PDB file of N, CA and C in Angstrom:
ATOM      1  N   UNK A   1     104.926 207.879  99.073  1.00  0.00           N
ATOM      2  CA  UNK A   1     106.044 206.101  98.394  1.00  0.00           C
ATOM      3  C   UNK A   1     106.360 207.366  96.940  1.00  0.00           C
ATOM      4  N   UNK A   2     105.739 207.353  96.086  1.00  0.00           N
ATOM      5  CA  UNK A   2     106.678 208.386  95.009  1.00  0.00           C
ATOM      6  C   UNK A   2     107.878 209.190  95.363  1.00  0.00           C
ATOM      7  N   UNK A   3     107.898 209.800  96.484  1.00  0.00           N
ATOM      8  CA  UNK A   3     109.739 209.840  97.618  1.00  0.00           C
ATOM      9  C   UNK A   3     110.650 208.970  97.542  1.00  0.00           C
ATOM     10  N   UNK A   4     110.263 208.276  97.781  1.00  0.00           N
ATOM     11  CA  UNK A   4     110.440 206.549  98.276  1.00  0.00           C
ATOM     12  C   UNK A   4     111.149 205.718  96.820  1.00  0.00           C
ATOM     13  N   UNK A   5     110.086 205.956  95.628  1.00  0.00           N
ATOM     14  CA  UNK A   5     110.415 205.683  94.332  1.00  0.00           C
ATOM     15  C   UNK A   5     112.046 205.894  94.307  1.00  0.00           C
ATOM     16  N   UNK A   6     111.283 207.702  93.523  1.00  0.00           N
ATOM     17  CA  UNK A   6     112.374 208.562  92.975  1.00  0.00           C
ATOM     18  C   UNK A   6     113.565 208.510  93.737  1.00  0.00           C
ATOM     19  N   UNK A   7     113.698 208.315  95.300  1.00  0.00           N
ATOM     20  CA  UNK A   7     114.640 207.556  96.042  1.00  0.00           C
ATOM     21  C   UNK A   7     115.769 206.472  95.718  1.00  0.00           C
ATOM     22  N   UNK A   8     114.748 205.588  95.423  1.00  0.00           N
ATOM     23  CA  UNK A   8     115.505 204.150  95.415  1.00  0.00           C
ATOM     24  C   UNK A   8     115.852 203.537  93.729  1.00  0.00           C
ATOM     25  N   UNK A   9     115.234 204.837  92.581  1.00  0.00           N
ATOM     26  CA  UNK A   9     115.405 205.523  91.289  1.00  0.00           C
ATOM     27  C   UNK A   9     116.617 205.403  90.758  1.00  0.00           C
ATOM     28  N   UNK A  10     117.372 206.854  92.500  1.00  0.00           N
ATOM     29  CA  UNK A  10     118.638 207.190  92.369  1.00  0.00           C
ATOM     30  C   UNK A  10     119.761 206.357  92.303  1.00  0.00           C
ATOM     31  N   UNK A  11     119.428 205.179  94.348  1.00  0.00           N
ATOM     32  CA  UNK A  11     119.916 204.441  94.526  1.00  0.00           C
ATOM     33  C   UNK A  11     120.741 204.057  93.412  1.00  0.00           C
ATOM     34  N   UNK A  12     119.485 203.087  92.636  1.00  0.00           N
ATOM     35  CA  UNK A  12     119.580 202.214  91.337  1.00  0.00           C
ATOM     36  C   UNK A  12     121.244 202.993  89.623  1.00  0.00           C
ATOM     37  N   UNK A  13     120.700 204.112  89.680  1.00  0.00           N
ATOM     38  CA  UNK A  13     121.039 204.575  89.026  1.00  0.00           C
ATOM     39  C   UNK A  13     122.509 204.965  89.375  1.00  0.00           C
ATOM     40  N   UNK A  14     122.963 205.806  90.410  1.00  0.00           N
ATOM     41  CA  UNK A  14     123.951 205.651  91.291  1.00  0.00           C
ATOM     42  C   UNK A  14     124.932 204.556  91.486  1.00  0.00           C
ATOM     43  N   UNK A  15     124.572 203.332  91.554  1.00  0.00           N
ATOM     44  CA  UNK A  15     125.360 202.117  92.446  1.00  0.00           C
ATOM     45  C   UNK A  15     125.113 200.691  91.800  1.00  0.00           C
ATOM     46  N   UNK A  16     124.065 200.804  90.525  1.00  0.00           N
ATOM     47  CA  UNK A  16     124.023 199.278  89.645  1.00  0.00           C
ATOM     48  C   UNK A  16     123.963 198.789  90.119  1.00  0.00           C
ATOM     49  N   UNK A  17     122.600 198.686  91.302  1.00  0.00           N
ATOM     50  CA  UNK A  17     121.972 197.538  92.048  1.00  0.00           C
ATOM     51  C   UNK A  17     120.875 197.757  91.417  1.00  0.00           C
ATOM     52  N   UNK A  18     120.060 196.151  91.777  1.00  0.00           N
ATOM     53  CA  UNK A  18     118.447 196.211  90.487  1.00  0.00           C
ATOM     54  C   UNK A  18     117.675 197.205  91.372  1.00  0.00           C
ATOM     55  N   UNK A  19     116.549 197.651  90.794  1.00  0.00           N
ATOM     56  CA  UNK A  19     115.538 197.923  91.497  1.00  0.00           C
ATOM     57  C   UNK A  19     114.692 198.098  92.530  1.00  0.00           C
ATOM     58  N   UNK A  20     114.891 196.110  92.958  1.00  0.00           N
ATOM     59  CA  UNK A  20     114.208 195.556  94.175  1.00  0.00           C
ATOM     60  C   UNK A  20     115.021 196.129  95.349  1.00  0.00           C
ATOM     61  N   UNK A  21     116.282 195.768  94.754  1.00  0.00           N
ATOM     62  CA  UNK A  21     118.074 196.135  95.992  1.00  0.00           C
ATOM     63  C   UNK A  21     117.880 197.956  96.439  1.00  0.00           C
ATOM     64  N   UNK A  22     117.529 198.534  95.398  1.00  0.00           N
ATOM     65  CA  UNK A  22     117.370 200.284  95.172  1.00  0.00           C
ATOM     66  C   UNK A  22     116.320 200.148  96.011  1.00  0.00           C
ATOM     67  N   UNK A  23     115.474 199.505  96.214  1.00  0.00           N
ATOM     68  CA  UNK A  23     114.102 200.082  97.102  1.00  0.00           C
ATOM     69  C   UNK A  23     114.488 200.179  98.505  1.00  0.00           C
ATOM     70  N   UNK A  24     114.646 198.336  98.476  1.00  0.00           N
ATOM     71  CA  UNK A  24     115.325 197.481 100.504  1.00  0.00           C
ATOM     72  C   UNK A  24     117.021 198.874 100.791  1.00  0.00           C
ATOM     73  N   UNK A  25     117.223 199.394 100.100  1.00  0.00           N
ATOM     74  CA  UNK A  25     118.839 200.988 100.345  1.00  0.00           C
ATOM     75  C   UNK A  25     117.020 201.459 100.877  1.00  0.00           C
ATOM     76  N   UNK A  26     116.308 202.130  99.968  1.00  0.00           N
ATOM     77  CA  UNK A  26     115.878 203.524 100.233  1.00  0.00           C
ATOM     78  C   UNK A  26     114.806 203.316 101.893  1.00  0.00           C
ATOM     79  N   UNK A  27     114.834 201.828 101.622  1.00  0.00           N
ATOM     80  CA  UNK A  27     113.468 201.836 102.589  1.00  0.00           C
ATOM     81  C   UNK A  27     114.558 201.717 104.661  1.00  0.00           C
ATOM     82  N   UNK A  28     115.686 201.502 104.465  1.00  0.00           N
ATOM     83  CA  UNK A  28     116.495 200.779 105.090  1.00  0.00           C
ATOM     84  C   UNK A  28     117.704 202.362 105.538  1.00  0.00           C
ATOM     85  N   UNK A  29     117.353 203.230 104.507  1.00  0.00           N
ATOM     86  CA  UNK A  29     118.104 204.951 105.065  1.00  0.00           C
ATOM     87  C   UNK A  29     116.614 205.333 105.668  1.00  0.00           C
ATOM     88  N   UNK A  30     115.279 205.139 105.855  1.00  0.00           N
ATOM     89  CA  UNK A  30     113.719 205.966 106.024  1.00  0.00           C
ATOM     90  C   UNK A  30     114.551 205.327 107.571  1.00  0.00           C
ATOM     91  N   UNK A  31     114.750 204.259 107.764  1.00  0.00           N
ATOM     92  CA  UNK A  31     114.583 203.510 108.686  1.00  0.00           C
ATOM     93  C   UNK A  31     115.711 202.071 109.351  1.00  0.00           C
ATOM     94  N   UNK A  32     116.269 201.360 109.822  1.00  0.00           N
ATOM     95  CA  UNK A  32     117.569 201.085 109.808  1.00  0.00           C
ATOM     96  C   UNK A  32     117.382 200.156 111.671  1.00  0.00           C
ATOM     97  N   UNK A  33     116.961 199.594 111.935  1.00  0.00           N
ATOM     98  CA  UNK A  33     117.259 198.153 111.495  1.00  0.00           C
ATOM     99  C   UNK A  33     115.912 198.163 111.043  1.00  0.00           C
ATOM    100  N   UNK A  34     115.205 196.881 110.410  1.00  0.00           N
ATOM    101  CA  UNK A  34     114.264 196.348 109.635  1.00  0.00           C
ATOM    102  C   UNK A  34     113.801 195.168 109.034  1.00  0.00           C
ATOM    103  N   UNK A  35     113.208 194.428 109.873  1.00  0.00           N
ATOM    104  CA  UNK A  35     112.877 192.563 109.829  1.00  0.00           C
ATOM    105  C   UNK A  35     112.343 192.511 107.558  1.00  0.00           C
ATOM    106  N   UNK A  36     112.684 191.684 107.519  1.00  0.00           N
ATOM    107  CA  UNK A  36     112.928 191.316 105.933  1.00  0.00           C
ATOM    108  C   UNK A  36     111.086 191.368 105.833  1.00  0.00           C
ATOM    109  N   UNK A  37     110.385 190.365 106.973  1.00  0.00           N
ATOM    110  CA  UNK A  37     109.170 190.490 107.210  1.00  0.00           C
ATOM    111  C   UNK A  37     108.021 191.718 106.546  1.00  0.00           C
ATOM    112  N   UNK A  38     108.457 192.597 107.478  1.00  0.00           N
ATOM    113  CA  UNK A  38     108.449 194.334 107.654  1.00  0.00           C
ATOM    114  C   UNK A  38     108.401 195.042 106.146  1.00  0.00           C
ATOM    115  N   UNK A  39     109.384 194.621 105.892  1.00  0.00           N
ATOM    116  CA  UNK A  39     109.702 195.476 104.358  1.00  0.00           C
ATOM    117  C   UNK A  39     108.648 194.487 103.392  1.00  0.00           C
ATOM    118  N   UNK A  40     109.121 193.447 102.869  1.00  0.00           N
ATOM    119  CA  UNK A  40     108.376 192.655 101.759  1.00  0.00           C
ATOM    120  C   UNK A  40     106.567 193.006 102.127  1.00  0.00           C
ATOM    121  N   UNK A  41     106.288 193.223 103.475  1.00  0.00           N
ATOM    122  CA  UNK A  41     104.588 193.460 103.622  1.00  0.00           C
ATOM    123  C   UNK A  41     104.106 194.969 103.155  1.00  0.00           C
ATOM    124  N   UNK A  42     105.860 195.766 103.704  1.00  0.00           N
ATOM    125  CA  UNK A  42     105.584 197.626 103.120  1.00  0.00           C
ATOM    126  C   UNK A  42     105.326 197.574 101.863  1.00  0.00           C
ATOM    127  N   UNK A  43     106.303 196.445 100.256  1.00  0.00           N
ATOM    128  CA  UNK A  43     106.449 196.587  99.577  1.00  0.00           C
ATOM    129  C   UNK A  43     105.209 195.827  99.196  1.00  0.00           C
ATOM    130  N   UNK A  44     104.646 194.835  99.412  1.00  0.00           N
ATOM    131  CA  UNK A  44     103.488 194.313  99.315  1.00  0.00           C
ATOM    132  C   UNK A  44     104.227 192.978  97.829  1.00  0.00           C
ATOM    133  N   UNK A  45     105.589 192.515  98.456  1.00  0.00           N
ATOM    134  CA  UNK A  45     105.983 191.571  97.749  1.00  0.00           C
ATOM    135  C   UNK A  45     105.879 190.690  98.680  1.00  0.00           C
ATOM    136  N   UNK A  46     106.807 188.779  98.131  1.00  0.00           N
ATOM    137  CA  UNK A  46     107.143 188.183  98.990  1.00  0.00           C
ATOM    138  C   UNK A  46     108.272 188.847  99.664  1.00  0.00           C
ATOM    139  N   UNK A  47     108.353 187.384 100.473  1.00  0.00           N
ATOM    140  CA  UNK A  47     109.430 187.652 102.090  1.00  0.00           C
ATOM    141  C   UNK A  47     110.384 186.749 100.764  1.00  0.00           C
ATOM    142  N   UNK A  48     110.328 185.835 100.193  1.00  0.00           N
ATOM    143  CA  UNK A  48     111.870 185.232  99.539  1.00  0.00           C
ATOM    144  C   UNK A  48     111.933 186.722  98.633  1.00  0.00           C
ATOM    145  N   UNK A  49     111.530 187.393  98.178  1.00  0.00           N
ATOM    146  CA  UNK A  49     112.473 188.166  97.156  1.00  0.00           C
ATOM    147  C   UNK A  49     113.282 189.014  97.601  1.00  0.00           C
ATOM    148  N   UNK A  50     112.702 189.388  99.039  1.00  0.00           N
ATOM    149  CA  UNK A  50     113.486 190.758 100.323  1.00  0.00           C
ATOM    150  C   UNK A  50     114.675 190.166 100.588  1.00  0.00           C
ATOM    151  N   UNK A  51     114.135 188.530 100.961  1.00  0.00           N
ATOM    152  CA  UNK A  51     115.348 187.799 100.824  1.00  0.00           C
ATOM    153  C   UNK A  51     116.695 187.224 100.479  1.00  0.00           C
ATOM    154  N   UNK A  52     116.502 187.410  99.243  1.00  0.00           N
ATOM    155  CA  UNK A  52     117.137 187.379  98.199  1.00  0.00           C
ATOM    156  C   UNK A  52     117.890 188.476  97.822  1.00  0.00           C
ATOM    157  N   UNK A  53     116.930 189.804  97.744  1.00  0.00           N
ATOM    158  CA  UNK A  53     117.630 191.517  98.100  1.00  0.00           C
ATOM    159  C   UNK A  53     118.898 191.330  98.893  1.00  0.00           C
ATOM    160  N   UNK A  54     118.653 190.805  99.493  1.00  0.00           N
ATOM    161  CA  UNK A  54     119.220 191.264 101.334  1.00  0.00           C
ATOM    162  C   UNK A  54     120.172 190.208 101.327  1.00  0.00           C
ATOM    163  N   UNK A  55     120.391 188.946 100.269  1.00  0.00           N
ATOM    164  CA  UNK A  55     121.410 188.159 100.168  1.00  0.00           C
ATOM    165  C   UNK A  55     122.488 188.828  98.851  1.00  0.00           C
ATOM    166  N   UNK A  56     122.252 189.528  98.225  1.00  0.00           N
ATOM    167  CA  UNK A  56     122.626 189.973  97.674  1.00  0.00           C
ATOM    168  C   UNK A  56     123.339 191.062  98.030  1.00  0.00           C
ATOM    169  N   UNK A  57     122.511 192.275  97.942  1.00  0.00           N
ATOM    170  CA  UNK A  57     122.906 193.352  99.339  1.00  0.00           C
ATOM    171  C   UNK A  57     124.062 193.540 100.262  1.00  0.00           C
ATOM    172  N   UNK A  58     124.271 192.526 101.164  1.00  0.00           N
ATOM    173  CA  UNK A  58     125.119 191.814 101.939  1.00  0.00           C
ATOM    174  C   UNK A  58     126.710 191.790 101.901  1.00  0.00           C
ATOM    175  N   UNK A  59     126.288 190.817 100.652  1.00  0.00           N
ATOM    176  CA  UNK A  59     127.562 190.300  99.372  1.00  0.00           C
ATOM    177  C   UNK A  59     128.622 191.671  99.215  1.00  0.00           C
ATOM    178  N   UNK A  60     127.661 192.634  98.782  1.00  0.00           N
ATOM    179  CA  UNK A  60     128.228 193.776  97.927  1.00  0.00           C
ATOM    180  C   UNK A  60     128.185 194.512  99.659  1.00  0.00           C
ATOM    181  N   UNK A  61     128.202 194.420 100.110  1.00  0.00           N
ATOM    182  CA  UNK A  61     128.654 195.018 101.702  1.00  0.00           C
ATOM    183  C   UNK A  61     128.114 196.471 101.922  1.00  0.00           C
ATOM    184  N   UNK A  62     126.851 196.293 101.582  1.00  0.00           N
ATOM    185  CA  UNK A  62     125.818 197.494 101.858  1.00  0.00           C
ATOM    186  C   UNK A  62     125.148 197.243 103.458  1.00  0.00           C
ATOM    187  N   UNK A  63     124.414 196.242 104.109  1.00  0.00           N
ATOM    188  CA  UNK A  63     123.751 195.970 104.799  1.00  0.00           C
ATOM    189  C   UNK A  63     124.150 194.553 105.152  1.00  0.00           C
ATOM    190  N   UNK A  64     124.055 194.264 106.962  1.00  0.00           N
ATOM    191  CA  UNK A  64     123.741 193.151 107.551  1.00  0.00           C
ATOM    192  C   UNK A  64     122.952 192.300 108.068  1.00  0.00           C
ATOM    193  N   UNK A  65     123.120 191.160 107.968  1.00  0.00           N
ATOM    194  CA  UNK A  65     121.644 190.153 108.151  1.00  0.00           C
ATOM    195  C   UNK A  65     122.140 189.359 109.272  1.00  0.00           C
ATOM    196  N   UNK A  66     120.992 189.567 110.405  1.00  0.00           N
ATOM    197  CA  UNK A  66     121.045 188.734 111.362  1.00  0.00           C
ATOM    198  C   UNK A  66     120.071 187.862 111.516  1.00  0.00           C
ATOM    199  N   UNK A  67     119.416 187.189 112.190  1.00  0.00           N
ATOM    200  CA  UNK A  67     118.199 186.253 112.142  1.00  0.00           C
ATOM    201  C   UNK A  67     117.171 186.766 113.027  1.00  0.00           C
ATOM    202  N   UNK A  68     116.203 187.300 112.366  1.00  0.00           N
ATOM    203  CA  UNK A  68     115.122 187.977 113.499  1.00  0.00           C
ATOM    204  C   UNK A  68     115.052 186.351 115.242  1.00  0.00           C
ATOM    205  N   UNK A  69     114.275 187.017 115.994  1.00  0.00           N
ATOM    206  CA  UNK A  69     114.162 185.787 117.185  1.00  0.00           C
ATOM    207  C   UNK A  69     113.981 184.900 116.891  1.00  0.00           C
ATOM    208  N   UNK A  70     113.436 183.626 117.593  1.00  0.00           N
ATOM    209  CA  UNK A  70     112.583 182.771 117.223  1.00  0.00           C
ATOM    210  C   UNK A  70     112.518 181.914 115.768  1.00  0.00           C
ATOM    211  N   UNK A  71     111.329 181.227 116.040  1.00  0.00           N
ATOM    212  CA  UNK A  71     111.979 180.351 114.530  1.00  0.00           C
ATOM    213  C   UNK A  71     111.117 180.883 113.556  1.00  0.00           C
ATOM    214  N   UNK A  72     111.572 182.133 113.831  1.00  0.00           N
ATOM    215  CA  UNK A  72     110.933 182.597 112.212  1.00  0.00           C
ATOM    216  C   UNK A  72     112.716 182.568 111.479  1.00  0.00           C
ATOM    217  N   UNK A  73     111.435 182.384 109.792  1.00  0.00           N
ATOM    218  CA  UNK A  73     112.894 182.575 108.201  1.00  0.00           C
ATOM    219  C   UNK A  73     112.785 183.500 108.469  1.00  0.00           C
ATOM    220  N   UNK A  74     112.682 184.980 109.536  1.00  0.00           N
ATOM    221  CA  UNK A  74     112.550 186.396 108.486  1.00  0.00           C
ATOM    222  C   UNK A  74     114.703 186.208 108.700  1.00  0.00           C
ATOM    223  N   UNK A  75     114.896 187.924 108.471  1.00  0.00           N
ATOM    224  CA  UNK A  75     116.263 187.918 108.697  1.00  0.00           C
ATOM    225  C   UNK A  75     115.784 189.554 109.108  1.00  0.00           C
ATOM    226  N   UNK A  76     116.362 189.730 110.567  1.00  0.00           N
ATOM    227  CA  UNK A  76     117.188 192.028 110.920  1.00  0.00           C
ATOM    228  C   UNK A  76     118.240 192.439 109.260  1.00  0.00           C
ATOM    229  N   UNK A  77     117.240 193.636 109.504  1.00  0.00           N
ATOM    230  CA  UNK A  77     118.526 194.386 107.834  1.00  0.00           C
ATOM    231  C   UNK A  77     118.941 195.091 108.665  1.00  0.00           C
ATOM    232  N   UNK A  78     120.369 195.347 108.500  1.00  0.00           N
ATOM    233  CA  UNK A  78     120.690 196.426 109.571  1.00  0.00           C
ATOM    234  C   UNK A  78     121.647 197.859 107.868  1.00  0.00           C
ATOM    235  N   UNK A  79     121.680 198.457 107.812  1.00  0.00           N
ATOM    236  CA  UNK A  79     122.706 199.612 106.687  1.00  0.00           C
ATOM    237  C   UNK A  79     123.839 199.619 107.539  1.00  0.00           C
ATOM    238  N   UNK A  80     124.902 199.420 106.348  1.00  0.00           N
ATOM    239  CA  UNK A  80     126.348 199.803 106.610  1.00  0.00           C
ATOM    240  C   UNK A  80     126.925 200.570 106.164  1.00  0.00           C
ATOM    241  N   UNK A  81     126.105 201.152 105.437  1.00  0.00           N
ATOM    242  CA  UNK A  81     126.467 202.152 104.375  1.00  0.00           C
ATOM    243  C   UNK A  81     125.433 203.391 103.598  1.00  0.00           C
ATOM    244  N   UNK A  82     125.334 204.331 103.956  1.00  0.00           N
ATOM    245  CA  UNK A  82     124.444 205.385 103.072  1.00  0.00           C
ATOM    246  C   UNK A  82     124.025 205.193 101.647  1.00  0.00           C
ATOM    247  N   UNK A  83     123.710 204.653 101.227  1.00  0.00           N
ATOM    248  CA  UNK A  83     123.295 205.105  99.524  1.00  0.00           C
ATOM    249  C   UNK A  83     123.761 205.961  99.302  1.00  0.00           C
TER     250      UNK A  83
END
């Protein structure tokens, strides 16, 4: 986990994203695509916080967001540009 936090810190410093956005990008750099629910559980955060960060990252062109299957509010996140 320390390596992941270090990687997220480097992403934040290099690209000016916030800490949670940096962590989402670091996790997606490990494996993409991933569901927002999976990321939220891995980081022990509320799903809404991950979705909010995902929306900002999508607007900035870092990731693509697609609805997850079924009636879930979750999104499937795909890294478009390596941080």
